[in-house]
N, C-alpha and C. Protein backbone atom coordinates (compact mmCIF):
# COMPACT_ATOMS: atom_id res chain seq x y z
N MET A 1 0.83 -1.18 0.00
CA MET A 1 0.00 0.00 0.00
C MET A 1 0.88 1.24 0.00
N ALA A 2 0.60 2.10 -0.92
CA ALA A 2 1.44 3.25 -1.19
C ALA A 2 1.57 4.22 -0.02
N THR A 3 0.54 4.33 0.82
CA THR A 3 0.59 5.29 1.92
C THR A 3 1.25 4.73 3.17
N SER A 4 1.55 3.46 3.20
CA SER A 4 2.18 2.78 4.34
C SER A 4 1.51 3.11 5.67
N PRO A 5 0.22 2.80 5.79
CA PRO A 5 -0.48 3.13 7.04
C PRO A 5 0.02 2.29 8.21
N GLU A 6 0.05 2.91 9.37
CA GLU A 6 0.36 2.16 10.60
C GLU A 6 -0.79 1.23 10.94
N ARG A 7 -1.97 1.66 10.57
CA ARG A 7 -3.18 0.92 10.88
C ARG A 7 -4.18 1.19 9.76
N LEU A 8 -4.88 0.17 9.33
CA LEU A 8 -5.86 0.32 8.26
C LEU A 8 -7.20 -0.19 8.78
N LEU A 9 -8.17 0.70 8.82
CA LEU A 9 -9.50 0.37 9.30
C LEU A 9 -10.48 0.51 8.15
N LEU A 10 -11.21 -0.54 7.88
CA LEU A 10 -12.22 -0.55 6.83
C LEU A 10 -13.59 -0.60 7.50
N VAL A 11 -14.42 0.37 7.20
CA VAL A 11 -15.79 0.38 7.71
C VAL A 11 -16.67 -0.13 6.58
N THR A 12 -17.37 -1.21 6.85
CA THR A 12 -18.24 -1.81 5.83
C THR A 12 -19.69 -1.42 6.07
N GLY A 13 -20.47 -1.56 5.02
CA GLY A 13 -21.90 -1.29 5.09
C GLY A 13 -22.60 -2.22 4.14
N ALA A 14 -23.07 -1.66 3.03
CA ALA A 14 -23.74 -2.47 2.01
C ALA A 14 -22.75 -3.45 1.38
N PHE A 15 -23.27 -4.57 0.96
CA PHE A 15 -22.48 -5.58 0.26
C PHE A 15 -21.24 -6.00 1.04
N GLU A 16 -21.40 -6.13 2.34
CA GLU A 16 -20.25 -6.44 3.20
C GLU A 16 -19.51 -7.71 2.77
N GLU A 17 -20.22 -8.76 2.44
CA GLU A 17 -19.56 -10.02 2.06
C GLU A 17 -18.68 -9.83 0.83
N GLN A 18 -19.19 -9.12 -0.18
CA GLN A 18 -18.42 -8.91 -1.39
C GLN A 18 -17.21 -8.02 -1.13
N VAL A 19 -17.39 -7.01 -0.30
CA VAL A 19 -16.28 -6.11 0.03
C VAL A 19 -15.19 -6.89 0.76
N LEU A 20 -15.57 -7.67 1.75
CA LEU A 20 -14.59 -8.45 2.51
C LEU A 20 -13.87 -9.46 1.62
N ALA A 21 -14.58 -10.04 0.67
CA ALA A 21 -13.94 -10.98 -0.26
C ALA A 21 -12.90 -10.25 -1.12
N ALA A 22 -13.19 -9.01 -1.49
CA ALA A 22 -12.28 -8.24 -2.35
C ALA A 22 -11.00 -7.83 -1.62
N VAL A 23 -11.05 -7.75 -0.29
CA VAL A 23 -9.88 -7.30 0.48
C VAL A 23 -9.34 -8.41 1.37
N ALA A 24 -9.70 -9.65 1.07
CA ALA A 24 -9.34 -10.78 1.93
C ALA A 24 -7.83 -10.93 2.13
N ASP A 25 -7.03 -10.50 1.18
CA ASP A 25 -5.58 -10.66 1.29
C ASP A 25 -4.89 -9.46 1.95
N MET A 26 -5.66 -8.51 2.43
CA MET A 26 -5.07 -7.31 3.04
C MET A 26 -5.08 -7.40 4.56
N ALA A 27 -4.04 -6.87 5.17
CA ALA A 27 -3.97 -6.81 6.63
C ALA A 27 -4.71 -5.55 7.08
N LEU A 28 -5.91 -5.74 7.59
CA LEU A 28 -6.71 -4.60 8.03
C LEU A 28 -7.68 -5.00 9.12
N GLU A 29 -8.20 -3.98 9.78
CA GLU A 29 -9.26 -4.18 10.77
C GLU A 29 -10.57 -3.86 10.09
N VAL A 30 -11.62 -4.54 10.50
CA VAL A 30 -12.93 -4.30 9.91
C VAL A 30 -13.91 -3.93 11.02
N ALA A 31 -14.71 -2.90 10.74
CA ALA A 31 -15.80 -2.51 11.62
C ALA A 31 -17.04 -2.37 10.76
N HIS A 32 -18.10 -3.04 11.15
CA HIS A 32 -19.33 -2.96 10.36
C HIS A 32 -20.20 -1.81 10.84
N ASN A 33 -20.77 -1.09 9.89
CA ASN A 33 -21.71 0.00 10.19
C ASN A 33 -23.12 -0.49 9.87
N PRO A 34 -23.88 -0.86 10.91
CA PRO A 34 -25.23 -1.35 10.65
C PRO A 34 -26.18 -0.25 10.16
N ASP A 35 -25.79 1.00 10.32
CA ASP A 35 -26.63 2.13 9.93
C ASP A 35 -26.18 2.78 8.63
N TRP A 36 -25.48 2.05 7.79
CA TRP A 36 -24.88 2.61 6.58
C TRP A 36 -25.88 3.32 5.68
N GLU A 37 -27.13 2.89 5.68
CA GLU A 37 -28.14 3.51 4.82
C GLU A 37 -28.45 4.95 5.22
N GLN A 38 -28.06 5.34 6.42
CA GLN A 38 -28.32 6.70 6.89
C GLN A 38 -27.27 7.69 6.43
N GLY A 39 -26.24 7.23 5.76
CA GLY A 39 -25.27 8.13 5.18
C GLY A 39 -23.85 7.94 5.68
N LEU A 40 -22.94 8.63 5.01
CA LEU A 40 -21.51 8.55 5.28
C LEU A 40 -21.17 8.89 6.73
N ALA A 41 -21.89 9.82 7.31
CA ALA A 41 -21.59 10.25 8.67
C ALA A 41 -21.63 9.09 9.66
N THR A 42 -22.52 8.14 9.44
CA THR A 42 -22.60 7.02 10.37
C THR A 42 -21.34 6.15 10.29
N SER A 43 -20.73 6.05 9.11
CA SER A 43 -19.47 5.30 8.97
C SER A 43 -18.34 6.05 9.66
N LEU A 44 -18.33 7.37 9.56
CA LEU A 44 -17.31 8.17 10.27
C LEU A 44 -17.44 7.99 11.78
N THR A 45 -18.65 7.91 12.26
CA THR A 45 -18.89 7.71 13.69
C THR A 45 -18.37 6.34 14.13
N VAL A 46 -18.63 5.31 13.33
CA VAL A 46 -18.12 3.96 13.64
C VAL A 46 -16.60 3.98 13.69
N ALA A 47 -15.98 4.63 12.71
CA ALA A 47 -14.51 4.70 12.67
C ALA A 47 -13.98 5.46 13.89
N ALA A 48 -14.59 6.57 14.23
CA ALA A 48 -14.12 7.40 15.34
C ALA A 48 -14.09 6.62 16.65
N LYS A 49 -15.04 5.74 16.84
CA LYS A 49 -15.09 4.95 18.07
C LYS A 49 -13.92 3.98 18.17
N ARG A 50 -13.30 3.66 17.04
CA ARG A 50 -12.17 2.73 17.02
C ARG A 50 -10.82 3.44 17.08
N LEU A 51 -10.82 4.77 17.02
CA LEU A 51 -9.57 5.52 16.96
C LEU A 51 -9.19 6.07 18.33
N PRO A 52 -7.89 6.26 18.55
CA PRO A 52 -7.46 6.85 19.82
C PRO A 52 -7.78 8.34 19.85
N ASP A 53 -7.92 8.89 21.05
CA ASP A 53 -8.12 10.32 21.21
C ASP A 53 -6.75 10.98 21.17
N SER A 54 -6.28 11.26 19.97
CA SER A 54 -4.94 11.81 19.79
C SER A 54 -4.93 12.76 18.61
N ASP A 55 -3.82 13.43 18.44
CA ASP A 55 -3.67 14.32 17.29
C ASP A 55 -3.07 13.60 16.09
N GLN A 56 -2.94 12.28 16.19
CA GLN A 56 -2.41 11.51 15.08
C GLN A 56 -3.33 11.69 13.86
N PRO A 57 -2.74 11.91 12.70
CA PRO A 57 -3.57 12.12 11.50
C PRO A 57 -4.26 10.85 11.04
N VAL A 58 -5.48 11.05 10.55
CA VAL A 58 -6.28 9.96 10.01
C VAL A 58 -6.62 10.32 8.58
N LEU A 59 -6.27 9.46 7.67
CA LEU A 59 -6.58 9.65 6.26
C LEU A 59 -7.91 8.95 5.99
N ILE A 60 -8.88 9.72 5.54
CA ILE A 60 -10.23 9.20 5.34
C ILE A 60 -10.56 9.23 3.86
N LEU A 61 -11.01 8.10 3.34
CA LEU A 61 -11.45 8.06 1.96
C LEU A 61 -12.64 7.14 1.82
N GLY A 62 -13.40 7.38 0.79
CA GLY A 62 -14.56 6.55 0.52
C GLY A 62 -14.23 5.51 -0.54
N CYS A 63 -15.19 4.71 -0.85
CA CYS A 63 -14.98 3.64 -1.83
C CYS A 63 -15.60 3.97 -3.17
N ASP A 64 -16.16 5.17 -3.32
CA ASP A 64 -16.94 5.45 -4.52
C ASP A 64 -16.33 6.50 -5.44
N GLN A 65 -15.02 6.71 -5.35
CA GLN A 65 -14.34 7.64 -6.23
C GLN A 65 -13.36 6.85 -7.11
N PRO A 66 -13.84 6.32 -8.24
CA PRO A 66 -13.01 5.42 -9.04
C PRO A 66 -11.76 6.05 -9.64
N ALA A 67 -11.70 7.37 -9.74
CA ALA A 67 -10.52 8.02 -10.33
C ALA A 67 -9.45 8.31 -9.28
N LEU A 68 -9.68 7.96 -8.04
CA LEU A 68 -8.71 8.20 -6.97
C LEU A 68 -7.45 7.36 -7.21
N GLU A 69 -6.30 8.02 -7.10
CA GLU A 69 -5.02 7.33 -7.26
C GLU A 69 -4.16 7.55 -6.03
N ALA A 70 -3.23 6.66 -5.82
CA ALA A 70 -2.33 6.74 -4.66
C ALA A 70 -1.56 8.05 -4.62
N THR A 71 -1.22 8.59 -5.78
CA THR A 71 -0.47 9.86 -5.80
C THR A 71 -1.24 10.98 -5.12
N HIS A 72 -2.55 10.96 -5.23
CA HIS A 72 -3.36 11.99 -4.56
C HIS A 72 -3.30 11.82 -3.04
N LEU A 73 -3.41 10.59 -2.58
CA LEU A 73 -3.34 10.33 -1.13
C LEU A 73 -1.98 10.74 -0.58
N LEU A 74 -0.93 10.45 -1.32
CA LEU A 74 0.42 10.83 -0.88
C LEU A 74 0.56 12.35 -0.84
N ALA A 75 -0.05 13.05 -1.78
CA ALA A 75 -0.02 14.51 -1.78
C ALA A 75 -0.72 15.07 -0.55
N LEU A 76 -1.83 14.46 -0.15
CA LEU A 76 -2.53 14.90 1.07
C LEU A 76 -1.64 14.71 2.30
N LEU A 77 -0.97 13.57 2.37
CA LEU A 77 -0.09 13.29 3.50
C LEU A 77 1.07 14.29 3.56
N ARG A 78 1.63 14.60 2.41
CA ARG A 78 2.73 15.59 2.37
C ARG A 78 2.23 16.98 2.73
N ALA A 79 1.01 17.30 2.38
CA ALA A 79 0.48 18.65 2.55
C ALA A 79 0.36 19.07 4.02
N VAL A 80 0.11 18.13 4.91
CA VAL A 80 -0.03 18.54 6.32
C VAL A 80 1.31 18.84 6.96
N GLY A 81 2.36 18.37 6.41
CA GLY A 81 3.68 18.65 6.96
C GLY A 81 4.56 19.36 5.96
N ASP A 82 4.01 20.33 5.28
CA ASP A 82 4.73 21.02 4.21
C ASP A 82 5.70 22.04 4.79
N LEU A 83 6.71 21.55 5.49
CA LEU A 83 7.68 22.44 6.11
C LEU A 83 8.54 23.14 5.07
N GLU A 84 8.67 22.53 3.92
CA GLU A 84 9.44 23.11 2.83
C GLU A 84 8.91 24.50 2.46
N HIS A 85 7.60 24.67 2.55
CA HIS A 85 6.97 25.94 2.23
C HIS A 85 6.56 26.71 3.48
N GLY A 86 7.12 26.31 4.62
CA GLY A 86 6.85 27.02 5.87
C GLY A 86 5.46 26.82 6.44
N ARG A 87 4.81 25.74 6.05
CA ARG A 87 3.45 25.48 6.54
C ARG A 87 3.43 24.23 7.38
N ARG A 88 2.60 24.26 8.37
CA ARG A 88 2.30 23.06 9.15
C ARG A 88 0.85 23.20 9.57
N CYS A 89 0.02 22.32 9.08
CA CYS A 89 -1.38 22.34 9.47
C CYS A 89 -1.83 20.92 9.76
N ASP A 90 -2.96 20.80 10.40
CA ASP A 90 -3.44 19.48 10.82
C ASP A 90 -4.48 18.89 9.87
N HIS A 91 -4.85 19.64 8.84
CA HIS A 91 -5.90 19.18 7.93
C HIS A 91 -5.43 19.29 6.49
N ALA A 92 -5.85 18.33 5.70
CA ALA A 92 -5.66 18.39 4.26
C ALA A 92 -6.92 17.79 3.64
N ALA A 93 -7.34 18.36 2.53
CA ALA A 93 -8.56 17.87 1.90
C ALA A 93 -8.48 18.07 0.40
N THR A 94 -9.47 17.53 -0.27
CA THR A 94 -9.53 17.53 -1.72
C THR A 94 -10.57 18.53 -2.19
N ARG A 95 -10.17 19.35 -3.18
CA ARG A 95 -11.14 20.28 -3.79
C ARG A 95 -11.51 19.74 -5.16
N TYR A 96 -12.83 19.60 -5.35
CA TYR A 96 -13.36 19.25 -6.66
C TYR A 96 -14.64 20.03 -6.84
N VAL A 97 -14.87 20.47 -8.03
CA VAL A 97 -15.98 21.37 -8.37
C VAL A 97 -15.85 22.61 -7.49
N ASP A 98 -16.81 22.85 -6.61
CA ASP A 98 -16.78 24.07 -5.80
C ASP A 98 -16.73 23.78 -4.30
N ALA A 99 -16.36 22.57 -3.91
CA ALA A 99 -16.35 22.21 -2.50
C ALA A 99 -15.07 21.48 -2.13
N VAL A 100 -14.82 21.43 -0.84
CA VAL A 100 -13.69 20.70 -0.29
C VAL A 100 -14.25 19.50 0.46
N GLY A 101 -13.65 18.32 0.22
CA GLY A 101 -14.16 17.12 0.88
C GLY A 101 -13.14 16.00 0.88
N MET A 102 -13.65 14.77 0.81
CA MET A 102 -12.80 13.59 0.87
C MET A 102 -12.22 13.26 -0.49
N PRO A 103 -11.11 12.60 -0.46
CA PRO A 103 -10.30 12.18 0.67
C PRO A 103 -9.78 13.37 1.46
N ALA A 104 -9.64 13.12 2.75
CA ALA A 104 -9.19 14.18 3.65
C ALA A 104 -8.35 13.58 4.76
N LEU A 105 -7.57 14.44 5.38
CA LEU A 105 -6.74 14.05 6.50
C LEU A 105 -7.07 14.98 7.66
N VAL A 106 -7.45 14.40 8.80
CA VAL A 106 -7.81 15.17 9.99
C VAL A 106 -7.20 14.50 11.21
N PRO A 107 -7.03 15.25 12.31
CA PRO A 107 -6.57 14.61 13.54
C PRO A 107 -7.64 13.65 14.08
N ALA A 108 -7.22 12.52 14.61
CA ALA A 108 -8.16 11.53 15.14
C ALA A 108 -9.07 12.14 16.19
N SER A 109 -8.52 12.98 17.06
CA SER A 109 -9.33 13.58 18.12
C SER A 109 -10.46 14.44 17.56
N GLU A 110 -10.21 15.11 16.46
CA GLU A 110 -11.26 15.94 15.87
C GLU A 110 -12.37 15.08 15.30
N LEU A 111 -12.01 13.98 14.71
CA LEU A 111 -13.01 13.08 14.16
C LEU A 111 -13.94 12.60 15.28
N GLN A 112 -13.40 12.40 16.46
CA GLN A 112 -14.22 11.95 17.59
C GLN A 112 -15.12 13.04 18.13
N ARG A 113 -14.72 14.30 17.96
CA ARG A 113 -15.49 15.41 18.53
C ARG A 113 -16.55 15.96 17.60
N VAL A 114 -16.39 15.78 16.32
CA VAL A 114 -17.30 16.43 15.39
C VAL A 114 -18.66 15.77 15.39
N SER A 115 -19.63 16.57 15.11
CA SER A 115 -21.00 16.07 14.96
C SER A 115 -21.33 16.09 13.48
N VAL A 116 -21.38 14.92 12.91
CA VAL A 116 -21.68 14.81 11.48
C VAL A 116 -22.99 14.06 11.32
N SER A 117 -23.67 14.36 10.24
CA SER A 117 -24.94 13.67 10.01
C SER A 117 -25.20 13.52 8.52
N GLY A 118 -26.01 12.54 8.20
CA GLY A 118 -26.41 12.33 6.82
C GLY A 118 -25.25 11.93 5.92
N ASP A 119 -25.25 12.49 4.72
CA ASP A 119 -24.26 12.12 3.72
C ASP A 119 -23.21 13.20 3.51
N THR A 120 -23.15 14.18 4.41
CA THR A 120 -22.19 15.26 4.23
C THR A 120 -20.84 14.95 4.84
N GLY A 121 -20.78 14.01 5.75
CA GLY A 121 -19.50 13.65 6.35
C GLY A 121 -18.83 14.86 6.97
N LEU A 122 -17.58 15.10 6.60
CA LEU A 122 -16.80 16.21 7.14
C LEU A 122 -16.83 17.46 6.26
N ARG A 123 -17.52 17.41 5.17
CA ARG A 123 -17.46 18.50 4.19
C ARG A 123 -17.72 19.88 4.80
N LYS A 124 -18.78 20.02 5.59
CA LYS A 124 -19.10 21.33 6.18
C LYS A 124 -17.97 21.82 7.08
N ILE A 125 -17.41 20.93 7.84
CA ILE A 125 -16.32 21.30 8.76
C ILE A 125 -15.09 21.71 7.98
N LEU A 126 -14.72 20.94 6.99
CA LEU A 126 -13.53 21.24 6.19
C LEU A 126 -13.68 22.56 5.44
N ASN A 127 -14.88 22.84 4.96
CA ASN A 127 -15.10 24.07 4.20
C ASN A 127 -15.14 25.31 5.08
N ARG A 128 -15.29 25.14 6.37
CA ARG A 128 -15.31 26.30 7.28
C ARG A 128 -13.95 26.63 7.88
N LEU A 129 -12.96 25.79 7.66
CA LEU A 129 -11.63 26.03 8.23
C LEU A 129 -10.97 27.25 7.60
N ASP A 130 -10.21 27.99 8.40
CA ASP A 130 -9.43 29.10 7.88
C ASP A 130 -8.38 28.56 6.91
N ALA A 131 -8.01 29.38 5.97
CA ALA A 131 -7.06 28.97 4.93
C ALA A 131 -5.74 28.49 5.51
N ASP A 132 -5.31 29.03 6.65
CA ASP A 132 -4.04 28.60 7.22
C ASP A 132 -4.15 27.33 8.05
N ALA A 133 -5.37 26.79 8.20
CA ALA A 133 -5.58 25.59 8.99
C ALA A 133 -5.71 24.33 8.14
N ILE A 134 -5.73 24.52 6.81
CA ILE A 134 -5.96 23.38 5.94
C ILE A 134 -5.16 23.53 4.64
N SER A 135 -4.63 22.42 4.17
CA SER A 135 -4.00 22.38 2.85
C SER A 135 -4.99 21.75 1.90
N ILE A 136 -5.15 22.37 0.75
CA ILE A 136 -6.11 21.90 -0.23
C ILE A 136 -5.37 21.37 -1.46
N ILE A 137 -5.76 20.19 -1.88
CA ILE A 137 -5.21 19.59 -3.09
C ILE A 137 -6.35 19.50 -4.12
N ASP A 138 -6.15 20.12 -5.26
CA ASP A 138 -7.17 20.10 -6.31
C ASP A 138 -7.17 18.76 -7.04
N ALA A 139 -8.37 18.26 -7.30
CA ALA A 139 -8.53 17.00 -8.04
C ALA A 139 -9.93 16.94 -8.63
N ALA A 140 -10.14 17.68 -9.70
CA ALA A 140 -11.46 17.75 -10.33
C ALA A 140 -11.99 16.37 -10.72
N GLU A 141 -11.08 15.46 -11.05
CA GLU A 141 -11.52 14.12 -11.46
C GLU A 141 -12.23 13.35 -10.35
N LEU A 142 -12.04 13.77 -9.10
CA LEU A 142 -12.68 13.07 -7.99
C LEU A 142 -14.11 13.53 -7.74
N ALA A 143 -14.58 14.48 -8.53
CA ALA A 143 -15.98 14.89 -8.42
C ALA A 143 -16.90 13.75 -8.84
N LEU A 144 -16.40 12.86 -9.69
CA LEU A 144 -17.19 11.70 -10.09
C LEU A 144 -17.15 10.67 -8.97
N ASP A 145 -18.29 10.46 -8.35
CA ASP A 145 -18.40 9.35 -7.42
C ASP A 145 -19.60 8.51 -7.83
N ILE A 146 -19.61 7.29 -7.36
CA ILE A 146 -20.61 6.32 -7.84
C ILE A 146 -21.77 6.27 -6.85
N ASP A 147 -22.84 6.99 -7.19
CA ASP A 147 -24.06 6.98 -6.37
C ASP A 147 -25.26 6.41 -7.13
N THR A 148 -25.20 6.45 -8.45
CA THR A 148 -26.33 6.02 -9.27
C THR A 148 -25.84 5.14 -10.42
N ASP A 149 -26.78 4.52 -11.11
CA ASP A 149 -26.44 3.74 -12.30
C ASP A 149 -25.82 4.62 -13.38
N ASP A 150 -26.31 5.87 -13.49
CA ASP A 150 -25.73 6.81 -14.47
C ASP A 150 -24.27 7.11 -14.14
N ASP A 151 -23.96 7.27 -12.84
CA ASP A 151 -22.57 7.50 -12.42
C ASP A 151 -21.70 6.30 -12.80
N LEU A 152 -22.23 5.11 -12.62
CA LEU A 152 -21.50 3.89 -12.96
C LEU A 152 -21.22 3.83 -14.46
N ARG A 153 -22.23 4.14 -15.25
CA ARG A 153 -22.05 4.18 -16.70
C ARG A 153 -21.00 5.22 -17.10
N SER A 154 -21.08 6.39 -16.50
CA SER A 154 -20.13 7.46 -16.80
C SER A 154 -18.70 7.05 -16.46
N ALA A 155 -18.52 6.41 -15.33
CA ALA A 155 -17.18 5.96 -14.92
C ALA A 155 -16.63 4.94 -15.91
N ARG A 156 -17.46 4.05 -16.38
CA ARG A 156 -17.02 3.05 -17.36
C ARG A 156 -16.68 3.73 -18.69
N GLU A 157 -17.49 4.71 -19.09
CA GLU A 157 -17.22 5.44 -20.34
C GLU A 157 -15.90 6.20 -20.25
N ARG A 158 -15.57 6.72 -19.08
CA ARG A 158 -14.32 7.46 -18.88
C ARG A 158 -13.11 6.55 -18.72
N GLY A 159 -13.38 5.26 -18.56
CA GLY A 159 -12.28 4.30 -18.43
C GLY A 159 -11.71 4.19 -17.03
N VAL A 160 -12.40 4.70 -16.01
CA VAL A 160 -11.89 4.58 -14.65
C VAL A 160 -12.46 3.37 -13.92
N LEU A 161 -13.37 2.66 -14.57
CA LEU A 161 -13.89 1.38 -14.07
C LEU A 161 -13.87 0.39 -15.22
N ASP A 162 -13.63 -0.86 -14.90
CA ASP A 162 -13.65 -1.90 -15.91
C ASP A 162 -15.07 -2.11 -16.42
N PRO A 163 -15.21 -2.44 -17.70
CA PRO A 163 -16.55 -2.78 -18.22
C PRO A 163 -17.04 -4.06 -17.55
N VAL A 164 -18.32 -4.24 -17.58
CA VAL A 164 -18.92 -5.43 -16.95
C VAL A 164 -18.49 -6.68 -17.63
């Protein structure tokens, strides 16, 4: 794994059996979210309960952005410790279209304290941060996420998902 995580936590929801079969050869922890239908925020809550109350960074990503590449995740990791440019911040996030969202990197303790609901996850919180508190990495290609059959078709047409 390109990001070399100290710990990898997978929160499952829909299609849990198929997801677990796809990652069977990976060393990871699994936590099931029985409330997955209520939105992304419930998965963040499940993950937060498994994390230590610390300032250790947590890289959060979803499973529905087929154009996501490891280089983007590595850029987020570098962005929080960008001492080369005289910056040090605790947050990094992705900008696509007109919003900032996932993948994102936040301190574990903040993930435990935030109140998230529905399908917005951390987006509102990340978008309210002062410019000096967050590093933003642009990635317009990540605006495509798979929520509908049309999204799935579009991803296949763009070549970021294999044809059926």
